[in-house]
Amino acid sequence: MKAAGAAVGASRTPWSITKVHQLSYERQEPVGFAADPSDFAARDISFLRGSSPEETRAGPWLRGGALLAFLACAGVNAALVLQRGGGGAEAAGAVVGSFIWPMLLAGAYSLWSSRPTQRGRFKVFLFTCLALLLLPTLTYVGVRGYAHYVVQANAERLSFDELDERAQECWRHGDAECVESLWRRYAATHPQDGAGRFRLGVALSRLNRYGEATAEFERALELGEGAPQLFAYYADSLAKSGRTDEAIDWSYKTLSVAPTLVDVRGQLAKLLVSRKRHYEALSLLQAFDAAREAKGRPGYFAAQRLGIESLLEREAPTDTAEQPVLRLPIHAGHYFAPLSLGRSRPKPFMVDTGATTTTFSTADLEAADVVWRVSRPRVEMRTADGRKVTADAVVLESVRLGPFELKNVAAVVCEDCASLLGQSTLSRFDMASSRKQGVEFLSLTLR
């Protein structure tokens, strides 16, 4: 029985194991796979399967779109640079920048992506170009105010203050065309507003359209506008339109109401030099610097004065077209004349018709290359501020007042004497005061 049982057990065991293995094998077989494991391939397993060449390669549409986006981005950025007044080098830099930024981001994508592809790089390049194109475009549209006009539905309904605020935004971005467009619309609906005409003229002058700007400034003046800025811009437009004499007159008028406008004063001096009125230009600059130096501040026009003085040294007096009349413009209630002691540089001397003699300091005399002699030593005199001082009466062999050379000029020298032009010198001239367009002048003609 034991042998029979063992036989029976032996006969059952292989069947049961085979059956279990068969059942286990059938239960673990993946659905849809071939029964033969040799037929399995890595490409059929999702986590092992790579992208196909068609999926990784950038197609012609993507390539073309990226190229067009780059060209549009580069063109818009270069145009904005040129529109703001930038040069060719800046425009070229904008084009290069339009290419570098997309390339940098595409490179970053290649470094940080786990599976970078050509299609992905082109997509990054395309979207970066579109962003670089969109941002300046929206800024430009917003600054120029077109989006605002769409919302308003009628640009002409904007008030003066609202329009001025929009124009200030344009100025901050250097967009003179935007300002010109805004104020031209305003002038069309408010033709009698002189302030709008003035602002339109400023925009036109910034665009180098000086003839049109001059017409707008003149219209503003006809409408009763009057401000130093208007006079200054009008004078500048006249000068750049070739109307130099009128520009000189209006520059003087500007300084009569705003004497601290140094840009106007410096430009006026250049106009005077262009008309061969060197000493008048020198007097104009010296008067301003003398007032500053009296307050302990350095002269503003030292370099420009030196340039004019150097020009006078190179030219003989007969070679210049200087008028036989020295015209001195008033500044801070006083007239200042350029006086040279011998070969020294011209120095501003304040004209004092109430002073008996010309005075200057001992330091000025020692620094001058001039022959002189003492006529009366130790003279008691009273200064303009009431102080009593001891001075020396001297006679100078030669001095130059503007274009005029004077011989044997009597003067008084002391340590603290101010530079005053008194009757000992003024008596040699015929003096005449005049007023032209609100500006006072003192003219000196040698007798």
Protein backbone atom coordinates (compact mmCIF):
# COMPACT_ATOMS: atom_id res chain seq x y z
CA MET A 1 0.00 0.00 0.00
CA LYS A 2 2.81 2.34 0.87
CA ALA A 3 4.43 1.68 -2.45
CA ALA A 4 1.19 2.09 -4.25
CA GLY A 5 0.59 5.43 -2.41
CA ALA A 6 4.02 6.62 -3.23
CA ALA A 7 3.46 5.72 -6.81
CA VAL A 8 0.19 7.50 -6.78
CA GLY A 9 1.82 10.57 -5.12
CA ALA A 10 4.66 10.49 -7.55
CA SER A 11 2.29 10.38 -10.40
CA ARG A 12 0.27 13.36 -9.09
CA THR A 13 3.08 15.74 -8.24
CA PRO A 14 4.35 16.51 -11.76
CA TRP A 15 0.83 17.16 -12.93
CA SER A 16 0.02 19.61 -10.17
CA ILE A 17 3.28 21.55 -10.55
CA THR A 18 2.86 21.77 -14.27
CA LYS A 19 -0.67 22.94 -13.85
CA VAL A 20 0.27 25.61 -11.33
CA HIS A 21 3.06 26.89 -13.57
CA GLN A 22 0.70 26.93 -16.48
CA LEU A 23 -1.93 28.84 -14.58
CA SER A 24 0.67 31.31 -13.22
CA TYR A 25 2.10 31.83 -16.67
CA GLU A 26 -1.31 32.46 -18.17
CA ARG A 27 -2.21 34.92 -15.39
CA GLN A 28 1.01 37.02 -15.83
CA GLU A 29 1.05 37.19 -19.63
CA PRO A 30 0.70 40.89 -20.73
CA VAL A 31 -2.37 41.57 -22.80
CA GLY A 32 -1.61 42.15 -26.45
CA PHE A 33 1.92 40.75 -26.33
CA ALA A 34 3.01 37.86 -28.46
CA ALA A 35 3.26 34.59 -26.64
CA ASP A 36 6.88 34.30 -27.67
CA PRO A 37 9.15 36.54 -25.51
CA SER A 38 11.60 36.77 -28.37
CA ASP A 39 9.08 38.87 -30.22
CA PHE A 40 9.21 41.65 -27.59
CA ALA A 41 11.07 44.86 -28.59
CA ALA A 42 12.13 47.88 -26.53
CA ARG A 43 10.37 50.18 -28.96
CA ASP A 44 7.04 48.62 -27.93
CA ILE A 45 7.50 49.61 -24.26
CA SER A 46 6.31 53.16 -23.54
CA PHE A 47 8.98 54.18 -20.99
CA LEU A 48 11.76 52.91 -23.24
CA ARG A 49 10.44 54.27 -26.50
CA GLY A 50 12.33 57.40 -27.88
CA SER A 51 10.79 60.19 -29.98
CA SER A 52 10.62 59.69 -33.68
CA PRO A 53 12.69 61.95 -35.99
CA GLU A 54 9.47 63.58 -37.18
CA GLU A 55 8.62 64.59 -33.60
CA THR A 56 12.05 66.12 -32.76
CA ARG A 57 12.88 67.89 -35.98
CA ALA A 58 11.60 71.49 -36.56
CA GLY A 59 9.33 71.66 -39.56
CA PRO A 60 9.47 74.31 -42.28
CA TRP A 61 6.52 76.22 -40.82
CA LEU A 62 8.19 76.49 -37.43
CA ARG A 63 11.49 77.52 -38.98
CA GLY A 64 9.80 80.13 -41.16
CA GLY A 65 7.79 81.50 -38.24
CA ALA A 66 10.91 81.86 -36.10
CA LEU A 67 12.72 83.69 -38.90
CA LEU A 68 9.81 86.07 -39.50
CA ALA A 69 9.44 86.74 -35.77
CA PHE A 70 13.14 87.58 -35.51
CA LEU A 71 13.04 89.91 -38.52
CA ALA A 72 9.96 91.68 -37.16
CA CYS A 73 11.49 92.01 -33.69
CA ALA A 74 14.80 93.32 -35.03
CA GLY A 75 13.06 95.75 -37.39
CA VAL A 76 10.77 97.20 -34.71
CA ASN A 77 13.57 97.63 -32.16
CA ALA A 78 15.87 99.27 -34.71
CA ALA A 79 13.05 101.58 -35.86
CA LEU A 80 12.32 102.65 -32.29
CA VAL A 81 16.00 103.44 -31.70
CA LEU A 82 16.19 105.54 -34.87
CA GLN A 83 12.89 107.24 -34.07
CA ARG A 84 14.27 108.33 -30.68
CA GLY A 85 17.23 109.93 -32.46
CA GLY A 86 19.73 107.11 -32.01
CA GLY A 87 22.45 106.49 -34.55
CA GLY A 88 23.22 103.57 -36.78
CA ALA A 89 25.44 101.93 -34.17
CA GLU A 90 22.60 101.92 -31.63
CA ALA A 91 20.21 100.50 -34.21
CA ALA A 92 22.71 97.76 -35.05
CA GLY A 93 23.01 97.01 -31.33
CA ALA A 94 19.23 96.65 -31.10
CA VAL A 95 19.29 94.15 -33.98
CA VAL A 96 22.07 92.13 -32.34
CA GLY A 97 20.20 92.18 -29.04
CA SER A 98 17.07 90.91 -30.77
CA PHE A 99 19.08 87.87 -31.82
CA ILE A 100 21.13 87.29 -28.66
CA TRP A 101 18.25 87.06 -26.20
CA PRO A 102 16.32 84.34 -28.06
CA MET A 103 19.55 82.39 -28.56
CA LEU A 104 20.39 82.63 -24.85
CA LEU A 105 17.00 81.30 -23.84
CA ALA A 106 17.19 78.52 -26.43
CA GLY A 107 20.60 77.59 -25.01
CA ALA A 108 19.18 77.57 -21.48
CA TYR A 109 16.42 75.24 -22.66
CA SER A 110 19.04 72.87 -24.10
CA LEU A 111 20.98 72.83 -20.82
CA TRP A 112 18.07 72.41 -18.42
CA SER A 113 15.71 70.23 -20.38
CA SER A 114 16.07 66.48 -19.84
CA ARG A 115 15.20 65.72 -23.46
CA PRO A 116 16.01 68.83 -25.59
CA THR A 117 14.92 68.72 -29.19
CA GLN A 118 15.39 70.88 -32.25
CA ARG A 119 11.65 71.57 -32.31
CA GLY A 120 11.78 72.75 -28.71
CA ARG A 121 14.69 75.07 -29.35
CA PHE A 122 12.92 76.67 -32.30
CA LYS A 123 9.77 77.11 -30.22
CA VAL A 124 11.72 78.86 -27.45
CA PHE A 125 13.39 81.10 -30.05
CA LEU A 126 10.03 81.91 -31.68
CA PHE A 127 8.18 82.78 -28.47
CA THR A 128 11.10 84.89 -27.18
CA CYS A 129 11.11 86.91 -30.41
CA LEU A 130 7.36 87.40 -30.15
CA ALA A 131 7.75 88.63 -26.55
CA LEU A 132 10.52 91.04 -27.57
CA LEU A 133 8.30 92.27 -30.37
CA LEU A 134 5.17 92.62 -28.26
CA LEU A 135 6.59 94.52 -25.28
CA PRO A 136 8.09 97.54 -27.10
CA THR A 137 5.12 97.65 -29.44
CA LEU A 138 2.65 97.88 -26.56
CA THR A 139 4.85 100.46 -24.82
CA TYR A 140 5.10 102.52 -27.98
CA VAL A 141 1.36 102.40 -28.60
CA GLY A 142 0.64 103.25 -24.99
CA VAL A 143 3.09 106.15 -24.94
CA ARG A 144 1.85 107.66 -28.17
CA GLY A 145 -1.62 107.57 -26.74
CA TYR A 146 -3.38 105.69 -29.53
CA ALA A 147 -4.76 103.15 -27.06
CA HIS A 148 -5.99 106.05 -24.95
CA TYR A 149 -7.71 107.56 -27.96
CA VAL A 150 -9.45 104.29 -28.74
CA VAL A 151 -10.84 104.25 -25.21
CA GLN A 152 -11.81 107.91 -25.37
CA ALA A 153 -13.27 107.46 -28.85
CA ASN A 154 -12.50 111.12 -29.56
CA ALA A 155 -9.07 112.58 -29.02
CA GLU A 156 -10.30 116.15 -29.45
CA ARG A 157 -12.24 115.92 -26.19
CA LEU A 158 -9.05 115.78 -24.14
CA SER A 159 -8.43 118.87 -22.02
CA PHE A 160 -5.23 120.89 -22.20
CA ASP A 161 -3.91 119.36 -18.97
CA GLU A 162 -4.74 115.81 -20.09
CA LEU A 163 -3.01 116.37 -23.39
CA ASP A 164 -0.01 117.95 -21.69
CA GLU A 165 0.29 114.92 -19.43
CA ARG A 166 0.28 112.59 -22.45
CA ALA A 167 2.87 114.79 -24.15
CA GLN A 168 5.12 114.63 -21.10
CA GLU A 169 5.05 110.84 -21.35
CA CYS A 170 6.17 111.13 -24.96
CA TRP A 171 8.98 113.50 -23.98
CA ARG A 172 10.19 111.07 -21.33
CA HIS A 173 10.60 108.48 -24.07
CA GLY A 174 12.25 110.96 -26.45
CA ASP A 175 9.36 110.74 -28.90
CA ALA A 176 9.05 114.20 -30.46
CA GLU A 177 6.81 112.90 -33.25
CA CYS A 178 4.31 111.78 -30.65
CA VAL A 179 4.32 115.26 -29.07
CA GLU A 180 3.95 116.93 -32.47
CA SER A 181 0.97 114.70 -33.31
CA LEU A 182 -0.76 115.42 -29.99
CA TRP A 183 -0.39 119.21 -30.12
CA ARG A 184 -1.26 119.41 -33.81
CA ARG A 185 -4.59 117.75 -33.04
CA TYR A 186 -5.08 120.20 -30.20
CA ALA A 187 -4.20 123.21 -32.35
CA ALA A 188 -6.68 122.08 -35.00
CA THR A 189 -9.54 122.24 -32.49
CA HIS A 190 -8.19 125.16 -30.40
CA PRO A 191 -6.62 127.52 -32.97
CA GLN A 192 -6.71 130.51 -30.59
CA ASP A 193 -4.81 128.82 -27.77
CA GLY A 194 -1.32 130.33 -27.77
CA ALA A 195 0.04 127.86 -25.22
CA GLY A 196 -0.84 124.96 -27.51
CA ARG A 197 0.83 126.73 -30.44
CA PHE A 198 3.98 127.23 -28.37
CA ARG A 199 4.16 123.54 -27.44
CA LEU A 200 3.60 122.53 -31.04
CA GLY A 201 6.47 124.81 -32.05
CA VAL A 202 8.76 123.19 -29.46
CA ALA A 203 8.01 119.74 -30.87
CA LEU A 204 8.66 120.95 -34.43
CA SER A 205 11.98 122.49 -33.40
CA ARG A 206 13.03 119.20 -31.80
CA LEU A 207 12.28 117.55 -35.15
CA ASN A 208 14.55 120.11 -36.89
CA ARG A 209 11.59 121.62 -38.75
CA TYR A 210 12.61 125.15 -37.84
CA GLY A 211 10.59 126.97 -40.49
CA GLU A 212 7.35 125.44 -39.23
CA ALA A 213 8.41 125.97 -35.62
CA THR A 214 9.10 129.66 -36.25
CA ALA A 215 5.61 130.08 -37.73
CA GLU A 216 4.01 128.47 -34.66
CA PHE A 217 6.03 130.65 -32.26
CA GLU A 218 5.03 133.77 -34.16
CA ARG A 219 1.39 132.68 -34.02
CA ALA A 220 1.73 132.20 -30.24
CA LEU A 221 3.15 135.71 -29.90
CA GLU A 222 0.29 137.12 -31.95
CA LEU A 223 -2.14 135.41 -29.57
CA GLY A 224 -0.57 137.21 -26.59
CA GLU A 225 1.77 134.57 -25.23
CA GLY A 226 4.88 135.88 -23.52
CA ALA A 227 7.36 133.77 -21.59
CA PRO A 228 11.16 133.43 -21.50
CA GLN A 229 10.92 129.90 -22.86
CA LEU A 230 8.90 131.09 -25.84
CA PHE A 231 11.41 133.87 -26.57
CA ALA A 232 14.33 131.45 -26.24
CA TYR A 233 12.86 128.81 -28.55
CA TYR A 234 11.83 131.48 -31.03
CA ALA A 235 15.35 132.94 -31.08
CA ASP A 236 16.85 129.49 -31.57
CA SER A 237 14.52 128.70 -34.48
CA LEU A 238 15.29 132.06 -36.08
CA ALA A 239 19.02 131.40 -35.81
CA LYS A 240 18.71 127.95 -37.34
CA SER A 241 16.54 129.35 -40.11
CA GLY A 242 19.30 131.79 -41.08
CA ARG A 243 17.66 134.90 -39.58
CA THR A 244 20.65 135.73 -37.37
CA ASP A 245 19.99 139.43 -36.68
CA GLU A 246 16.44 138.70 -35.54
CA ALA A 247 17.74 135.84 -33.42
CA ILE A 248 20.18 138.21 -31.70
CA ASP A 249 17.39 140.68 -30.88
CA TRP A 250 15.12 137.99 -29.44
CA SER A 251 17.97 136.45 -27.47
CA TYR A 252 18.59 139.82 -25.83
CA LYS A 253 14.89 140.09 -25.08
CA THR A 254 14.99 136.64 -23.47
CA LEU A 255 17.88 137.67 -21.22
CA SER A 256 16.14 140.88 -20.25
CA VAL A 257 13.43 138.85 -18.48
CA ALA A 258 15.50 135.77 -17.58
CA PRO A 259 19.18 136.78 -17.26
CA THR A 260 20.18 133.44 -15.69
CA LEU A 261 19.48 131.37 -18.83
CA VAL A 262 23.09 130.46 -19.51
CA ASP A 263 22.33 128.44 -22.64
CA VAL A 264 20.67 131.46 -24.24
CA ARG A 265 23.56 133.73 -23.21
CA GLY A 266 26.17 131.34 -24.58
CA GLN A 267 24.31 130.90 -27.86
CA LEU A 268 23.86 134.66 -28.20
CA ALA A 269 27.61 135.14 -27.79
CA LYS A 270 28.18 132.69 -30.65
CA LEU A 271 25.76 134.62 -32.86
CA LEU A 272 27.54 137.88 -32.05
CA VAL A 273 30.90 136.35 -32.94
CA SER A 274 29.44 135.10 -36.23
CA ARG A 275 28.56 138.76 -36.95
CA LYS A 276 32.13 139.84 -36.02
CA ARG A 277 30.92 141.60 -32.88
CA HIS A 278 33.53 139.97 -30.70
CA TYR A 279 33.78 142.60 -27.99
CA GLU A 280 30.04 142.79 -27.56
CA ALA A 281 30.02 139.01 -27.10
CA LEU A 282 32.86 139.29 -24.61
CA SER A 283 31.03 141.98 -22.66
CA LEU A 284 27.90 139.82 -22.60
CA LEU A 285 29.75 136.91 -21.01
CA GLN A 286 31.96 138.99 -18.73
CA ALA A 287 28.98 140.78 -17.22
CA PHE A 288 27.44 137.49 -16.14
CA ASP A 289 30.68 136.07 -14.77
CA ALA A 290 31.50 139.29 -12.92
CA ALA A 291 28.19 139.09 -11.05
CA ARG A 292 28.93 135.48 -10.09
CA GLU A 293 32.47 136.22 -8.99
CA ALA A 294 31.22 139.10 -6.83
CA LYS A 295 29.25 136.47 -4.89
CA GLY A 296 32.28 134.22 -4.53
CA ARG A 297 31.24 131.81 -7.27
CA PRO A 298 33.40 130.82 -10.26
CA GLY A 299 32.72 132.25 -13.69
CA TYR A 300 30.47 130.12 -15.89
CA PHE A 301 31.75 131.23 -19.31
CA ALA A 302 35.50 131.17 -18.63
CA ALA A 303 36.23 128.73 -21.47
CA GLN A 304 34.02 130.51 -24.00
CA ARG A 305 35.52 133.88 -23.08
CA LEU A 306 39.01 132.46 -23.50
CA GLY A 307 38.09 131.24 -26.96
CA ILE A 308 36.89 134.68 -28.02
CA GLU A 309 39.96 136.34 -26.53
CA SER A 310 42.22 133.91 -28.41
CA LEU A 311 40.40 134.76 -31.62
CA LEU A 312 40.98 138.47 -31.01
CA GLU A 313 44.68 137.86 -30.40
CA ARG A 314 45.05 136.11 -33.75
CA GLU A 315 43.31 138.87 -35.68
CA ALA A 316 44.62 142.39 -36.10
CA PRO A 317 42.14 145.09 -35.17
CA THR A 318 41.84 146.21 -38.78
CA ASP A 319 41.08 142.65 -39.90
CA THR A 320 37.91 142.39 -37.89
CA ALA A 321 34.58 143.71 -39.01
CA GLU A 322 33.95 145.12 -35.55
CA GLN A 323 31.74 148.19 -35.66
CA PRO A 324 33.31 151.53 -34.57
CA VAL A 325 30.74 151.55 -31.77
CA LEU A 326 31.15 149.35 -28.69
CA ARG A 327 27.68 148.30 -27.58
CA LEU A 328 27.33 147.09 -23.99
CA PRO A 329 24.19 145.24 -22.89
CA ILE A 330 22.88 145.86 -19.39
CA HIS A 331 23.09 143.10 -16.78
CA ALA A 332 21.73 143.33 -13.24
CA GLY A 333 21.36 147.09 -13.67
CA HIS A 334 24.98 147.70 -14.72
CA TYR A 335 27.07 147.88 -17.87
CA PHE A 336 30.37 146.02 -18.11
CA ALA A 337 33.11 146.83 -20.62
CA PRO A 338 36.06 144.58 -21.56
CA LEU A 339 39.25 146.44 -20.61
CA SER A 340 42.78 145.11 -21.23
CA LEU A 341 45.80 146.51 -19.41
CA GLY A 342 48.56 146.32 -21.98
CA ARG A 343 48.77 142.73 -23.25
CA SER A 344 46.73 141.20 -20.46
CA ARG A 345 43.43 139.40 -20.98
CA PRO A 346 40.32 141.57 -21.12
CA LYS A 347 38.64 141.95 -17.76
CA PRO A 348 35.11 143.23 -17.09
CA PHE A 349 35.10 146.79 -15.75
CA MET A 350 31.80 148.12 -14.49
CA VAL A 351 30.88 151.44 -16.08
CA ASP A 352 30.48 154.07 -13.34
CA THR A 353 29.63 157.47 -14.78
CA GLY A 354 29.70 158.96 -11.26
CA ALA A 355 33.32 157.95 -10.62
CA THR A 356 36.01 160.55 -11.33
CA THR A 357 38.68 158.08 -12.37
CA THR A 358 39.15 154.49 -13.43
CA THR A 359 40.19 152.18 -10.60
CA PHE A 360 41.59 148.68 -10.34
CA SER A 361 43.45 146.56 -7.83
CA THR A 362 47.18 146.36 -7.26
CA ALA A 363 47.07 142.65 -8.16
CA ASP A 364 45.62 143.49 -11.58
CA LEU A 365 48.36 146.03 -12.22
CA GLU A 366 51.14 143.65 -11.18
CA ALA A 367 49.76 140.86 -13.36
CA ALA A 368 49.43 143.13 -16.39
CA ASP A 369 52.11 143.57 -19.02
CA VAL A 370 51.78 147.34 -19.20
CA VAL A 371 54.06 150.35 -18.76
CA TRP A 372 52.90 152.74 -16.04
CA ARG A 373 54.15 155.46 -13.73
CA VAL A 374 52.99 156.92 -10.46
CA SER A 375 51.72 160.47 -10.85
CA ARG A 376 50.67 161.00 -7.21
CA PRO A 377 51.51 158.55 -4.44
CA ARG A 378 49.50 158.01 -1.28
CA VAL A 379 46.21 159.55 -2.34
CA GLU A 380 43.31 159.44 0.11
CA MET A 381 40.08 158.36 -1.58
CA ARG A 382 36.66 157.02 -0.68
CA THR A 383 35.37 153.80 -2.24
CA ALA A 384 31.86 153.22 -3.54
CA ASP A 385 30.83 151.58 -0.26
CA GLY A 386 32.02 154.60 1.76
CA ARG A 387 35.38 153.28 2.99
CA LYS A 388 38.47 155.54 3.03
CA VAL A 389 41.53 153.94 1.45
CA THR A 390 45.05 155.01 0.48
CA ALA A 391 45.80 154.61 -3.22
CA ASP A 392 48.33 155.59 -5.86
CA ALA A 393 47.40 157.73 -8.83
CA VAL A 394 49.05 156.27 -11.93
CA VAL A 395 49.19 156.88 -15.65
CA LEU A 396 49.01 153.86 -17.93
CA GLU A 397 50.87 154.06 -21.20
CA SER A 398 48.31 151.99 -23.10
CA VAL A 399 45.02 150.24 -22.42
CA ARG A 400 42.47 148.67 -24.76
CA LEU A 401 38.76 149.18 -24.23
CA GLY A 402 37.03 146.78 -26.56
CA PRO A 403 38.37 147.52 -30.05
CA PHE A 404 39.73 150.92 -29.02
CA GLU A 405 43.32 151.52 -27.94
CA LEU A 406 43.79 154.41 -25.50
CA LYS A 407 47.09 156.12 -24.59
CA ASN A 408 48.14 157.74 -21.30
CA VAL A 409 45.09 156.77 -19.26
CA ALA A 410 44.87 158.11 -15.69
CA ALA A 411 43.77 155.62 -13.04
CA VAL A 412 43.89 154.91 -9.31
CA VAL A 413 45.34 151.70 -7.87
CA CYS A 414 44.83 150.26 -4.38
CA GLU A 415 44.73 146.88 -2.69
CA ASP A 416 40.96 146.67 -2.46
CA CYS A 417 39.93 148.83 -5.39
CA ALA A 418 37.13 147.43 -7.56
CA SER A 419 37.40 147.34 -11.34
CA LEU A 420 35.50 150.51 -12.26
CA LEU A 421 35.52 152.47 -15.49
CA GLY A 422 35.35 156.14 -14.49
CA GLN A 423 35.31 159.48 -16.25
CA SER A 424 39.09 159.55 -16.77
CA THR A 425 38.44 156.92 -19.45
CA LEU A 426 34.80 157.49 -20.35
CA SER A 427 35.46 161.15 -21.17
CA ARG A 428 37.20 160.02 -24.34
CA PHE A 429 33.97 158.55 -25.70
CA ASP A 430 30.60 159.74 -26.78
CA MET A 431 28.11 157.71 -24.77
CA ALA A 432 24.56 157.00 -25.84
CA SER A 433 21.98 154.80 -24.16
CA SER A 434 19.35 153.06 -26.22
CA ARG A 435 16.52 150.60 -25.77
CA LYS A 436 15.70 147.98 -28.38
CA GLN A 437 12.82 145.56 -27.91
CA GLY A 438 12.92 146.08 -24.14
CA VAL A 439 16.71 145.68 -23.81
CA GLU A 440 18.93 148.57 -22.69
CA PHE A 441 22.34 149.20 -24.26
CA LEU A 442 25.15 151.68 -23.70
CA SER A 443 27.07 152.57 -26.84
CA LEU A 444 30.59 154.01 -26.73
CA THR A 445 32.02 155.84 -29.73
CA LEU A 446 35.59 157.09 -29.66
CA ARG A 447 35.81 160.84 -30.10
